[in-house]
Amino acid sequence: MRISRFPFFILMIGIFAPAITGLAQTGAYQGSASSGPASDQPLSLSLDEALKLGLRYNLGGVTAEQSSQHAKGENIVVRSALYPDFSGGLRENVQQIDLSSFGFKFKFPASLGINIPNIVGPFNFFDLRAYLTQRVADLQAIRSYQSSREAQRAAELSAADSREIVVYVVTASYLQVLAGSARVDSAKVQVDSAQTIFQQASDRFTAGLSAKIDMTRSQVELQTQQQRLTAEQADYSKQKIALARLVGLSPGQVFTLADKLPYAPLENITLEQALTLATQNRSDLKAADAQLHAAEFARKAAVAEHYPTLGIVADYGVIGINPANSHGTFDVSGQLLFPIWAGGHTHGDIIEADATLKQRRAEYENVRSRVEADVRNAYLDLNAAAELVRVAQSRRDLARDELTQSTDRFSSGVADTVEVTQAQEVVASAESDYIANLNAHNLAKASVARAVGQAEKIMRDLLRSQ
């Protein structure tokens, strides 16, 4: 009787198919294994170093890699069914037999002088033997191995895709920290500017050149900018903790960012080229294709349960009273086993395999559509962000010029602090918009690298493109 491993393969395919997507949805990529305790010395962390740490310690990547190893081990187990199975054994037997229990009762006339006892023994012998079993022809085992091999390939591709996700997540977090640093610097500039204007208003009030309301307005604006600076500093610190969690650093580790990523348009990859690259390189699409093939082989394995199998069972060894008084013996037999009726087990396996195959086919079509959508969305975000950066940069320059003119007018006594504080607010808003749009543009370029399936290879070049 054959024990079918087929339902187990269906289960394994179902486990590994959505593994990486599930990890991303449950936030596994937001954590990491620890790379060690915090250092007393501040670190200077570049994007390259952050990516190396993330690829090594990020929890999503680590989990995906271990899932791949699990699939590899399962494939080895399944493949072993196709290889010869050798084993050996040594037995030392001591026996005593009651012949009457087997139905032997010997009674001879006393005149013959023959007496056969009913109890034989005790006697002993040893048996040293090697055993061999080999499946010569088992189509179900072959198809099951092919299905497991494709499932392993899918798990390896999913692990490769997880590296792409890690690169994108770490890059996005690094960019957020850069943006947070820029916001803190901008807020400090706004505080210094507000402090200067407040000092001018105070001097003018003391000299009797302006009303106290002008000094009060400028003081309120100064405190407003100080509040913004405090909020930006707190947010910046939290963003650094989040980045540390992604790459395995201790949340208490002090570090600074070594890179500055200025604005640079993306000009070396067109939308059409990106769509082609995505089709060729996206590991999640390749994994979905491998999962589809695994389901196809699994269905063939289910159908093969109807087919007969041919195997060999053999043994060879020596048996005797002791090694010096023994003789070799062997036994070789061929077995042809064919199913007759299994209570609908095979039919149930086929129905289950059909359902899994249809599910994998639908998932593959979904992933293929999602890949194209990812690329198109990334380019829409990229084009929009590029235009927003251009407008925000112009607005920032105009706002700065407006503030300069308002400050000069106030210093000359032509305008009051209403005009100045309004200009300060416009500058603060323009600076914030510029930083946000610049960060969005860099994030869009990172999304392009992820969308084409080349984040690990081209992320750094895209962010440096001139």
Protein backbone atom coordinates (compact mmCIF):
# COMPACT_ATOMS: atom_id res chain seq x y z
CA MET A 1 0.00 0.00 0.00
CA ARG A 2 1.42 3.40 -1.02
CA ILE A 3 1.21 6.39 1.31
CA SER A 4 0.47 9.47 -0.76
CA ARG A 5 2.47 12.60 -0.01
CA PHE A 6 0.43 14.55 -2.52
CA PRO A 7 -1.86 16.45 -0.10
CA PHE A 8 1.23 17.63 1.76
CA PHE A 9 2.63 19.18 -1.44
CA ILE A 10 -0.61 21.01 -2.05
CA LEU A 11 -0.38 22.37 1.50
CA MET A 12 3.24 23.44 1.05
CA ILE A 13 2.46 25.25 -2.20
CA GLY A 14 -0.35 27.06 -0.43
CA ILE A 15 1.99 28.07 2.38
CA PHE A 16 4.84 29.42 0.30
CA ALA A 17 2.73 31.09 -2.40
CA PRO A 18 1.56 34.07 -0.32
CA ALA A 19 4.45 33.98 2.16
CA ILE A 20 6.24 37.19 1.25
CA THR A 21 3.08 39.19 0.61
CA GLY A 22 1.78 38.10 3.99
CA LEU A 23 5.00 39.18 5.67
CA ALA A 24 4.77 42.62 4.13
CA GLN A 25 1.14 43.00 5.17
CA THR A 26 1.82 41.94 8.78
CA GLY A 27 4.69 44.43 9.13
CA ALA A 28 7.55 41.93 9.35
CA TYR A 29 9.65 44.31 7.27
CA GLN A 30 9.24 46.99 9.94
CA GLY A 31 11.37 45.02 12.42
CA SER A 32 14.75 43.34 12.51
CA ALA A 33 17.02 40.97 14.34
CA SER A 34 19.51 42.82 16.52
CA SER A 35 22.99 43.44 15.13
CA GLY A 36 24.34 43.99 18.64
CA PRO A 37 24.23 46.47 21.54
CA ALA A 38 24.43 50.20 21.00
CA SER A 39 27.91 51.66 20.57
CA ASP A 40 29.17 54.48 22.75
CA GLN A 41 30.45 56.27 19.67
CA PRO A 42 28.05 57.98 17.25
CA LEU A 43 27.82 56.29 13.85
CA SER A 44 27.88 57.94 10.45
CA LEU A 45 25.41 55.89 8.45
CA SER A 46 25.43 56.04 4.66
CA LEU A 47 22.64 54.65 2.50
CA ASP A 48 24.91 51.86 1.29
CA GLU A 49 25.70 50.83 4.86
CA ALA A 50 22.03 51.01 5.83
CA LEU A 51 21.12 48.74 2.92
CA LYS A 52 23.81 46.21 3.86
CA LEU A 53 22.56 46.12 7.44
CA GLY A 54 18.96 45.86 6.29
CA LEU A 55 19.66 42.97 3.93
CA ARG A 56 21.39 41.13 6.76
CA TYR A 57 19.17 41.84 9.75
CA ASN A 58 15.71 42.95 8.56
CA LEU A 59 13.14 40.51 9.90
CA GLY A 60 11.20 40.22 6.64
CA GLY A 61 14.32 39.24 4.72
CA VAL A 62 15.49 36.81 7.41
CA THR A 63 12.09 35.11 7.57
CA ALA A 64 11.85 34.80 3.78
CA GLU A 65 15.33 33.29 3.60
CA GLN A 66 14.44 30.69 6.22
CA SER A 67 11.23 29.86 4.32
CA SER A 68 13.43 29.24 1.29
CA GLN A 69 15.66 26.92 3.34
CA HIS A 70 12.56 25.11 4.61
CA ALA A 71 11.41 24.52 1.03
CA LYS A 72 14.88 23.30 0.11
CA GLY A 73 14.83 20.77 2.91
CA GLU A 74 11.36 19.56 1.90
CA ASN A 75 12.52 19.13 -1.69
CA ILE A 76 15.43 16.96 -0.53
CA VAL A 77 13.03 14.81 1.50
CA VAL A 78 10.72 14.34 -1.50
CA ARG A 79 13.61 13.59 -3.85
CA SER A 80 14.89 10.89 -1.50
CA ALA A 81 11.85 8.75 -2.42
CA LEU A 82 13.36 8.29 -5.91
CA TYR A 83 16.73 7.08 -4.64
CA PRO A 84 17.67 3.60 -3.36
CA ASP A 85 17.08 3.09 0.33
CA PHE A 86 19.91 1.13 1.97
CA SER A 87 19.84 -0.06 5.56
CA GLY A 88 21.51 -2.73 7.63
CA GLY A 89 20.94 -4.68 10.79
CA LEU A 90 22.53 -7.14 13.15
CA ARG A 91 20.42 -9.56 15.14
CA GLU A 92 21.47 -11.99 17.85
CA ASN A 93 18.58 -14.38 18.54
CA VAL A 94 17.97 -16.82 21.40
CA GLN A 95 14.85 -18.93 20.93
CA GLN A 96 12.94 -21.79 22.47
CA ILE A 97 10.04 -23.25 20.49
CA ASP A 98 7.04 -25.26 21.61
CA LEU A 99 6.30 -27.44 18.56
CA SER A 100 2.91 -28.45 19.91
CA SER A 101 1.76 -24.84 19.69
CA PHE A 102 2.25 -25.10 15.94
CA GLY A 103 0.26 -28.31 15.75
CA PHE A 104 3.20 -30.74 15.76
CA LYS A 105 2.71 -33.76 18.06
CA PHE A 106 5.12 -36.65 17.55
CA LYS A 107 4.25 -40.08 19.02
CA PHE A 108 6.31 -43.08 18.01
CA PRO A 109 6.14 -46.66 19.37
CA ALA A 110 8.56 -47.18 22.21
CA SER A 111 10.05 -50.11 20.33
CA LEU A 112 11.45 -47.75 17.70
CA GLY A 113 13.48 -45.83 20.23
CA ILE A 114 12.57 -42.54 18.56
CA ASN A 115 11.73 -39.61 20.83
CA ILE A 116 11.14 -36.08 19.46
CA PRO A 117 10.58 -33.57 22.27
CA ASN A 118 7.83 -30.99 21.97
CA ILE A 119 10.16 -28.28 23.33
CA VAL A 120 13.10 -27.33 21.09
CA GLY A 121 15.89 -25.17 22.47
CA PRO A 122 16.93 -22.87 23.73
CA PHE A 123 19.23 -22.27 20.77
CA ASN A 124 20.86 -19.13 19.36
CA PHE A 125 21.96 -17.68 16.01
CA PHE A 126 23.02 -14.30 14.61
CA ASP A 127 21.96 -12.55 11.37
CA LEU A 128 24.00 -9.71 9.80
CA ARG A 129 22.12 -8.32 6.80
CA ALA A 130 21.84 -5.35 4.39
CA TYR A 131 18.49 -4.31 2.92
CA LEU A 132 17.66 -2.46 -0.29
CA THR A 133 14.42 -0.98 -1.58
CA GLN A 134 14.19 0.90 -4.86
CA ARG A 135 11.29 2.42 -6.77
CA VAL A 136 11.94 1.51 -10.38
CA ALA A 137 8.85 3.09 -11.88
CA ASP A 138 6.62 5.40 -9.79
CA LEU A 139 5.16 8.26 -11.78
CA GLN A 140 3.43 9.76 -8.75
CA ALA A 141 6.75 10.05 -6.90
CA ILE A 142 8.36 11.65 -9.96
CA ARG A 143 5.57 14.21 -10.38
CA SER A 144 5.59 14.94 -6.66
CA TYR A 145 9.32 15.64 -6.81
CA GLN A 146 8.84 17.94 -9.81
CA SER A 147 6.13 19.83 -7.92
CA SER A 148 8.34 20.13 -4.84
CA ARG A 149 11.26 21.35 -6.97
CA GLU A 150 9.09 24.14 -8.42
CA ALA A 151 7.84 25.01 -4.94
CA GLN A 152 11.46 25.35 -3.82
CA ARG A 153 12.23 27.60 -6.80
CA ALA A 154 9.20 29.73 -5.93
CA ALA A 155 10.41 30.07 -2.34
CA GLU A 156 13.89 31.09 -3.52
CA LEU A 157 12.39 33.69 -5.86
CA SER A 158 10.18 34.96 -3.06
CA ALA A 159 13.27 35.32 -0.90
CA ALA A 160 14.91 37.30 -3.72
CA ASP A 161 11.82 39.49 -3.92
CA SER A 162 11.99 40.03 -0.17
CA ARG A 163 15.47 41.51 -0.64
CA GLU A 164 13.96 43.98 -3.10
CA ILE A 165 11.33 44.90 -0.53
CA VAL A 166 13.99 45.34 2.16
CA VAL A 167 16.00 47.64 -0.11
CA TYR A 168 12.92 49.74 -0.86
CA VAL A 169 11.74 49.91 2.76
CA VAL A 170 15.19 50.87 4.08
CA THR A 171 15.69 53.43 1.31
CA ALA A 172 12.28 54.97 1.96
CA SER A 173 13.03 55.22 5.68
CA TYR A 174 16.47 56.71 4.99
CA LEU A 175 14.86 59.32 2.74
CA GLN A 176 12.30 60.11 5.43
CA VAL A 177 15.08 60.71 7.94
CA LEU A 178 16.85 62.97 5.43
CA ALA A 179 13.61 64.90 4.96
CA GLY A 180 13.18 65.12 8.73
CA SER A 181 16.71 66.49 9.06
CA ALA A 182 15.96 69.08 6.37
CA ARG A 183 12.78 70.11 8.19
CA VAL A 184 14.70 70.57 11.43
CA ASP A 185 17.31 72.71 9.66
CA SER A 186 14.58 74.76 8.00
CA ALA A 187 12.79 75.22 11.31
CA LYS A 188 16.02 76.45 12.92
CA VAL A 189 16.40 79.00 10.14
CA GLN A 190 12.84 80.14 10.70
CA VAL A 191 13.48 80.50 14.45
CA ASP A 192 16.60 82.57 13.79
CA SER A 193 14.71 84.76 11.34
CA ALA A 194 11.82 85.21 13.78
CA GLN A 195 14.30 86.02 16.55
CA THR A 196 15.92 88.72 14.42
CA ILE A 197 12.58 90.29 13.54
CA PHE A 198 11.45 90.16 17.17
CA GLN A 199 14.63 91.91 18.20
CA GLN A 200 14.06 94.61 15.58
CA ALA A 201 10.46 95.08 16.76
CA SER A 202 11.63 95.31 20.37
CA ASP A 203 14.25 97.92 19.47
CA ARG A 204 11.74 99.95 17.49
CA PHE A 205 9.23 99.80 20.37
CA THR A 206 11.88 100.86 22.86
CA ALA A 207 12.82 103.73 20.58
CA GLY A 208 9.15 104.72 20.29
CA LEU A 209 9.08 104.09 16.55
CA SER A 210 6.36 101.42 16.59
CA ALA A 211 3.46 100.24 18.69
CA LYS A 212 3.70 97.44 21.23
CA ILE A 213 1.36 95.31 19.08
CA ASP A 214 4.14 95.00 16.51
CA MET A 215 6.50 93.61 19.13
CA THR A 216 3.78 91.28 20.44
CA ARG A 217 3.04 89.90 16.95
CA SER A 218 6.71 89.22 16.31
CA GLN A 219 7.03 87.53 19.72
CA VAL A 220 4.04 85.28 18.96
CA GLU A 221 5.59 84.38 15.60
CA LEU A 222 8.89 83.55 17.32
CA GLN A 223 7.18 81.23 19.79
CA THR A 224 5.20 79.63 16.94
CA GLN A 225 8.42 78.86 15.09
CA GLN A 226 10.01 77.53 18.29
CA GLN A 227 7.06 75.17 18.73
CA ARG A 228 7.46 73.97 15.16
CA LEU A 229 11.15 73.34 15.73
CA THR A 230 10.41 71.27 18.85
CA ALA A 231 7.82 69.19 16.98
CA GLU A 232 10.15 68.67 14.01
CA GLN A 233 13.02 67.60 16.28
CA ALA A 234 10.81 65.04 18.04
CA ASP A 235 9.53 63.69 14.73
CA TYR A 236 13.08 63.51 13.37
CA SER A 237 14.21 61.50 16.41
CA LYS A 238 11.34 59.04 15.96
CA GLN A 239 12.16 58.61 12.28
CA LYS A 240 15.75 57.74 13.21
CA ILE A 241 14.49 55.13 15.68
CA ALA A 242 12.29 53.63 12.95
CA LEU A 243 15.28 53.43 10.59
CA ALA A 244 17.38 51.80 13.30
CA ARG A 245 14.65 49.17 13.79
CA LEU A 246 14.70 48.38 10.08
CA VAL A 247 18.43 47.72 9.87
CA GLY A 248 19.08 46.00 13.20
CA LEU A 249 20.59 48.92 15.14
CA SER A 250 19.65 49.46 18.75
CA PRO A 251 16.91 52.11 19.13
CA GLY A 252 19.31 53.89 21.48
CA GLN A 253 22.17 54.01 18.96
CA VAL A 254 23.23 57.56 18.13
CA PHE A 255 23.92 58.07 14.43
CA THR A 256 23.94 60.68 11.74
CA LEU A 257 23.24 60.32 8.04
CA ALA A 258 26.30 60.50 5.82
CA ASP A 259 24.48 61.05 2.53
CA LYS A 260 22.78 64.08 1.07
CA LEU A 261 20.49 63.30 -1.84
CA PRO A 262 19.80 66.39 -3.94
CA TYR A 263 17.09 66.64 -6.52
CA ALA A 264 17.94 65.09 -9.90
CA PRO A 265 15.42 64.22 -12.64
CA LEU A 266 15.14 60.61 -13.78
CA GLU A 267 15.98 60.58 -17.47
CA ASN A 268 17.70 57.28 -18.27
CA ILE A 269 14.70 54.89 -18.04
CA THR A 270 11.50 55.43 -20.01
CA LEU A 271 8.13 53.98 -19.06
CA GLU A 272 8.29 51.43 -21.89
CA GLN A 273 11.76 50.32 -20.82
CA ALA A 274 10.60 50.05 -17.22
CA LEU A 275 7.65 47.84 -18.20
CA THR A 276 10.00 45.52 -20.11
CA LEU A 277 12.47 45.38 -17.22
CA ALA A 278 9.69 44.60 -14.77
CA THR A 279 8.42 41.69 -16.87
CA GLN A 280 11.94 40.28 -17.10
CA ASN A 281 13.18 40.89 -13.58
CA ARG A 282 10.37 40.97 -11.01
CA SER A 283 11.05 38.04 -8.69
CA ASP A 284 7.48 37.98 -7.38
CA LEU A 285 6.22 37.45 -10.94
CA LYS A 286 8.74 34.64 -11.46
CA ALA A 287 7.74 33.14 -8.12
CA ALA A 288 4.06 33.19 -9.13
CA ASP A 289 5.00 31.42 -12.37
CA ALA A 290 6.95 28.77 -10.43
CA GLN A 291 4.00 28.30 -8.07
CA LEU A 292 1.77 27.77 -11.10
CA HIS A 293 4.12 25.10 -12.46
CA ALA A 294 4.25 23.45 -9.03
CA ALA A 295 0.46 23.24 -9.00
CA GLU A 296 0.46 21.74 -12.50
CA PHE A 297 2.90 19.02 -11.45
CA ALA A 298 0.92 18.45 -8.26
CA ARG A 299 -2.20 17.76 -10.32
CA LYS A 300 -0.25 15.31 -12.48
CA ALA A 301 0.92 13.61 -9.29
CA ALA A 302 -2.69 13.26 -8.18
CA VAL A 303 -3.68 11.68 -11.50
CA ALA A 304 -0.65 9.35 -11.28
CA GLU A 305 -2.14 7.75 -8.18
CA HIS A 306 -4.18 5.69 -10.66
CA TYR A 307 -1.03 4.20 -12.18
CA PRO A 308 0.81 1.03 -11.07
CA THR A 309 4.27 1.18 -9.51
CA LEU A 310 7.24 -1.13 -9.92
CA GLY A 311 9.83 -1.64 -7.20
CA ILE A 312 12.60 -3.93 -6.00
CA VAL A 313 13.11 -5.28 -2.50
CA ALA A 314 16.32 -7.17 -1.75
CA ASP A 315 18.52 -8.21 1.12
CA TYR A 316 21.85 -9.97 1.55
CA GLY A 317 23.62 -11.13 4.70
CA VAL A 318 25.20 -13.93 6.68
CA ILE A 319 23.42 -16.10 9.23
CA GLY A 320 24.74 -18.76 11.55
CA ILE A 321 25.59 -19.78 15.07
CA ASN A 322 28.59 -17.44 15.12
CA PRO A 323 30.68 -15.49 12.54
CA ALA A 324 33.05 -18.42 12.12
CA ASN A 325 30.17 -20.79 11.43
CA SER A 326 27.86 -18.83 9.10
CA HIS A 327 26.75 -18.71 5.51
CA GLY A 328 25.57 -16.01 3.13
CA THR A 329 21.92 -15.79 2.17
CA PHE A 330 20.00 -13.35 -0.02
CA ASP A 331 16.53 -12.57 -1.27
CA VAL A 332 15.53 -10.46 -4.29
CA SER A 333 11.97 -9.73 -5.31
CA GLY A 334 10.25 -7.42 -7.72
CA GLN A 335 6.91 -5.85 -6.84
CA LEU A 336 4.26 -4.59 -9.20
CA LEU A 337 1.57 -2.79 -7.24
CA PHE A 338 -1.53 -1.42 -8.86
CA PRO A 339 -4.44 0.42 -7.23
CA ILE A 340 -7.88 -1.12 -7.39
CA TRP A 341 -10.05 0.94 -5.08
CA ALA A 342 -9.06 3.49 -2.43
CA GLY A 343 -12.44 4.77 -1.35
CA GLY A 344 -12.31 7.87 -3.58
CA HIS A 345 -8.98 9.08 -2.15
CA THR A 346 -7.44 9.65 -5.59
CA HIS A 347 -10.52 11.41 -6.91
CA GLY A 348 -10.46 13.73 -3.91
CA ASP A 349 -6.79 14.52 -4.50
CA ILE A 350 -7.52 15.43 -8.12
CA ILE A 351 -10.37 17.75 -7.14
CA GLU A 352 -8.12 19.43 -4.57
CA ALA A 353 -5.29 19.76 -7.11
CA ASP A 354 -7.65 21.26 -9.71
CA ALA A 355 -8.81 23.88 -7.22
CA THR A 356 -5.23 24.76 -6.25
CA LEU A 357 -4.19 24.97 -9.91
CA LYS A 358 -7.01 27.39 -10.72
CA GLN A 359 -6.10 29.47 -7.69
CA ARG A 360 -2.41 29.63 -8.69
CA ARG A 361 -3.34 30.57 -12.25
CA ALA A 362 -5.54 33.42 -10.99
CA GLU A 363 -2.78 34.56 -8.62
CA TYR A 364 -0.25 34.60 -11.45
CA GLU A 365 -2.53 36.77 -13.59
CA ASN A 366 -3.06 39.06 -10.62
CA VAL A 367 0.69 39.43 -9.98
CA ARG A 368 1.35 40.11 -13.66
CA SER A 369 -1.28 42.85 -13.64
CA ARG A 370 0.03 44.22 -10.35
CA VAL A 371 3.58 44.45 -11.73
CA GLU A 372 2.42 46.62 -14.62
CA ALA A 373 0.30 48.71 -12.25
CA ASP A 374 3.29 49.21 -9.94
CA VAL A 375 5.41 50.54 -12.80
CA ARG A 376 2.72 52.85 -14.13
CA ASN A 377 1.87 54.18 -10.67
CA ALA A 378 5.54 54.79 -9.92
CA TYR A 379 5.94 56.83 -13.10
CA LEU A 380 2.78 58.79 -12.43
CA ASP A 381 4.11 59.64 -8.96
CA LEU A 382 7.52 60.45 -10.43
CA ASN A 383 6.19 62.84 -13.08
CA ALA A 384 3.84 64.54 -10.63
CA ALA A 385 6.56 64.90 -8.00
CA ALA A 386 9.01 66.35 -10.53
CA GLU A 387 6.51 69.05 -11.50
CA LEU A 388 5.66 69.72 -7.84
CA VAL A 389 9.36 70.10 -7.00
CA ARG A 390 9.76 72.65 -9.79
CA VAL A 391 6.76 74.68 -8.60
CA ALA A 392 7.73 74.37 -4.92
CA GLN A 393 11.26 75.53 -5.63
CA SER A 394 9.95 78.60 -7.45
CA ARG A 395 7.46 79.31 -4.64
CA ARG A 396 10.19 78.98 -2.03
CA ASP A 397 12.41 81.48 -3.85
CA LEU A 398 9.51 83.93 -4.21
CA ALA A 399 8.55 83.52 -0.53
CA ARG A 400 12.11 84.22 0.58
CA ASP A 401 12.21 87.31 -1.59
CA GLU A 402 8.87 88.44 -0.18
CA LEU A 403 10.16 88.01 3.38
CA THR A 404 13.30 90.00 2.58
CA GLN A 405 11.25 92.83 1.14
CA SER A 406 8.80 92.80 4.08
CA THR A 407 11.67 92.85 6.56
CA ASP A 408 13.28 95.78 4.77
CA ARG A 409 9.96 97.65 4.69
CA PHE A 410 9.49 97.04 8.42
CA SER A 411 13.04 98.18 9.18
CA SER A 412 12.36 101.35 7.19
CA GLY A 413 9.13 101.95 9.06
CA VAL A 414 7.01 101.60 5.92
CA ALA A 415 5.23 98.41 7.07
CA ASP A 416 4.21 96.85 10.37
CA THR A 417 4.76 93.30 11.63
CA VAL A 418 1.51 92.00 10.13
CA GLU A 419 3.13 91.97 6.73
CA VAL A 420 6.33 90.47 8.12
CA THR A 421 4.66 87.66 10.07
CA GLN A 422 2.52 86.77 7.06
CA ALA A 423 5.66 86.57 4.95
CA GLN A 424 7.31 84.41 7.59
CA GLU A 425 4.38 81.99 7.52
CA VAL A 426 4.53 81.85 3.72
CA VAL A 427 8.26 81.06 3.86
CA ALA A 428 7.73 78.32 6.44
CA SER A 429 4.94 76.80 4.34
CA ALA A 430 7.00 77.04 1.13
CA GLU A 431 10.03 75.41 2.78
CA SER A 432 7.88 72.58 4.13
CA ASP A 433 6.26 72.01 0.73
CA TYR A 434 9.62 71.97 -1.03
CA ILE A 435 11.07 69.41 1.37
CA ALA A 436 7.95 67.22 1.13
CA ASN A 437 7.90 67.33 -2.69
CA LEU A 438 11.63 66.67 -2.96
CA ASN A 439 11.23 63.68 -0.66
CA ALA A 440 8.23 62.48 -2.70
CA HIS A 441 10.32 62.69 -5.87
CA ASN A 442 13.12 60.63 -4.35
CA LEU A 443 10.58 58.11 -3.01
CA ALA A 444 9.07 57.89 -6.51
CA LYS A 445 12.49 57.07 -7.94
CA ALA A 446 12.89 54.40 -5.27
CA SER A 447 9.46 53.06 -6.27
CA VAL A 448 10.61 52.84 -9.89
CA ALA A 449 13.62 50.75 -8.83
CA ARG A 450 11.34 48.44 -6.85
CA ALA A 451 8.72 48.30 -9.61
CA VAL A 452 11.22 47.11 -12.24
CA GLY A 453 12.62 44.44 -9.89
CA GLN A 454 16.10 45.94 -9.76
CA ALA A 455 16.08 47.81 -6.45
CA GLU A 456 19.15 46.04 -5.08
CA LYS A 457 21.15 46.74 -8.26
CA ILE A 458 20.12 50.22 -9.38
CA MET A 459 18.64 51.99 -6.34
CA ARG A 460 21.81 53.91 -5.56
CA ASP A 461 22.35 54.90 -9.20
CA LEU A 462 18.77 56.13 -9.58
CA LEU A 463 19.06 58.34 -6.53
CA ARG A 464 22.36 59.72 -7.82
CA SER A 465 21.20 60.21 -11.43
CA GLN A 466 22.07 63.57 -12.93
